[in-house]
Protein backbone atom coordinates (compact mmCIF):
# COMPACT_ATOMS: atom_id res chain seq x y z
CA UNK A 1 -0.18 -0.16 0.00
CA UNK A 2 1.49 3.49 -0.82
CA UNK A 3 1.48 5.84 2.16
CA UNK A 4 -0.72 8.65 1.88
CA UNK A 5 2.63 11.47 1.25
CA UNK A 6 3.55 8.89 -1.81
CA UNK A 7 0.09 9.85 -3.50
CA UNK A 8 -0.93 12.48 -6.00
CA UNK A 9 -4.13 13.23 -5.55
CA UNK A 10 -4.98 16.45 -7.63
CA UNK A 11 -6.00 16.46 -10.68
CA UNK A 12 -4.32 19.31 -11.93
CA UNK A 13 -0.94 18.02 -11.09
CA UNK A 14 -1.96 14.78 -12.41
CA UNK A 15 -2.68 16.25 -15.98
CA UNK A 16 0.34 18.49 -15.83
CA UNK A 17 2.43 15.71 -15.68
CA UNK A 18 0.93 13.83 -18.33
CA UNK A 19 1.40 16.74 -20.33
CA UNK A 20 4.51 18.31 -19.72
CA UNK A 21 6.23 15.28 -18.50
CA UNK A 22 9.04 13.17 -19.88
CA UNK A 23 7.04 9.65 -21.11
CA UNK A 24 8.72 5.94 -20.45
CA UNK A 25 6.85 3.55 -22.03
CA UNK A 26 6.43 -0.64 -21.58
CA UNK A 27 4.15 -3.01 -23.38
CA UNK A 28 1.30 -2.91 -20.65
CA UNK A 29 2.11 0.49 -19.17
CA UNK A 30 3.84 4.08 -19.88
CA UNK A 31 5.26 6.42 -17.33
CA UNK A 32 5.45 9.79 -16.95
CA UNK A 33 7.26 11.51 -14.75
CA UNK A 34 8.41 15.04 -13.57
CA UNK A 35 10.58 16.49 -11.71
CA UNK A 36 9.57 19.38 -8.73
CA UNK A 37 10.89 20.72 -6.05
CA UNK A 38 9.19 18.59 -3.74
CA UNK A 39 11.41 16.18 -0.99
CA UNK A 40 9.28 13.25 -1.45
CA UNK A 41 8.44 11.16 -5.07
CA UNK A 42 4.12 11.02 -5.40
CA UNK A 43 2.82 8.48 -7.54
CA UNK A 44 -0.57 8.51 -9.80
CA UNK A 45 -2.37 6.27 -11.97
CA UNK A 46 -4.49 5.86 -14.91
CA UNK A 47 -6.65 3.35 -16.00
CA UNK A 48 -9.32 4.41 -18.90
CA UNK A 49 -12.02 2.16 -19.66
CA UNK A 50 -10.31 0.85 -22.99
CA UNK A 51 -9.13 -1.16 -20.17
CA UNK A 52 -12.12 -3.01 -19.25
CA UNK A 53 -14.97 -2.36 -17.11
CA UNK A 54 -15.25 -1.08 -13.59
CA UNK A 55 -14.04 -3.96 -12.03
CA UNK A 56 -11.51 -4.57 -14.32
CA UNK A 57 -9.73 -0.69 -14.43
CA UNK A 58 -10.07 -1.34 -10.06
CA UNK A 59 -7.69 -4.95 -10.49
CA UNK A 60 -5.63 -3.32 -12.02
CA UNK A 61 -4.96 -0.38 -10.72
CA UNK A 62 -4.65 -2.54 -7.34
CA UNK A 63 -2.28 -4.34 -9.02
CA UNK A 64 -0.38 -1.52 -9.91
CA UNK A 65 -0.37 -0.24 -6.88
CA UNK A 66 1.35 -2.98 -5.21
CA UNK A 67 3.42 -3.63 -8.10
CA UNK A 68 5.03 -0.02 -7.98
CA UNK A 69 5.07 0.54 -4.30
CA UNK A 70 8.99 -1.14 -3.95
CA UNK A 71 9.61 0.82 -6.75
CA UNK A 72 8.91 4.05 -5.89
CA UNK A 73 12.86 4.90 -4.41
CA UNK A 74 14.23 4.25 -8.11
CA UNK A 75 12.49 7.34 -9.29
CA UNK A 76 14.70 10.51 -8.33
CA UNK A 77 13.49 12.63 -5.13
CA UNK A 78 10.50 15.01 -5.69
CA UNK A 79 9.34 12.85 -9.07
CA UNK A 80 5.90 13.07 -9.95
CA UNK A 81 5.21 10.35 -11.12
CA UNK A 82 1.84 8.28 -13.24
CA UNK A 83 1.11 5.38 -14.58
CA UNK A 84 -0.84 5.02 -17.22
CA UNK A 85 -1.98 1.90 -18.24
CA UNK A 86 -2.54 0.17 -21.93
CA UNK A 87 -5.41 -2.00 -23.16
CA UNK A 88 -3.80 -5.08 -22.11
CA UNK A 89 -2.93 -4.62 -18.41
CA UNK A 90 -6.48 -6.34 -18.17
CA UNK A 91 -5.23 -9.81 -20.19
CA UNK A 92 -2.30 -9.39 -17.98
CA UNK A 93 -1.09 -11.18 -14.93
CA UNK A 94 0.35 -9.59 -12.07
CA UNK A 95 3.77 -10.95 -12.96
CA UNK A 96 3.78 -9.21 -16.51
CA UNK A 97 2.62 -6.16 -14.86
CA UNK A 98 5.23 -6.46 -12.51
CA UNK A 99 7.80 -6.45 -15.38
CA UNK A 100 6.49 -4.11 -17.12
CA UNK A 101 6.88 -1.14 -14.59
CA UNK A 102 10.47 -2.54 -13.78
CA UNK A 103 11.22 -2.07 -17.11
CA UNK A 104 9.80 1.45 -17.52
CA UNK A 105 11.61 2.46 -14.35
CA UNK A 106 14.76 1.43 -15.19
CA UNK A 107 14.34 3.55 -18.55
CA UNK A 108 13.31 6.50 -16.09
CA UNK A 109 16.96 5.61 -14.44
CA UNK A 110 18.68 5.69 -17.63
CA UNK A 111 17.69 8.45 -19.07
């Protein structure tokens, strides 16, 4: 579970990250990252209707939240991160989602 200090909640901040942040993609997810003056890394999730119905979207969100928790420290301090699920995420296993997140996160660290 993500602590409250690690959650990006304001829709204006989420949309700003998605518009101006750097994108790092994998097969099932796209990660948008932007640097801020904040000292904490904050994460939000965007799982649209193209992924599935409400039950499926919430399941994917829970899996992504669980998978990104150990990876938060891999982002630069003060990052705002939005994890966007692609339509194939609904058919993926937890292991596949985790591997995709790790792959995209490794791209963040490489840049």
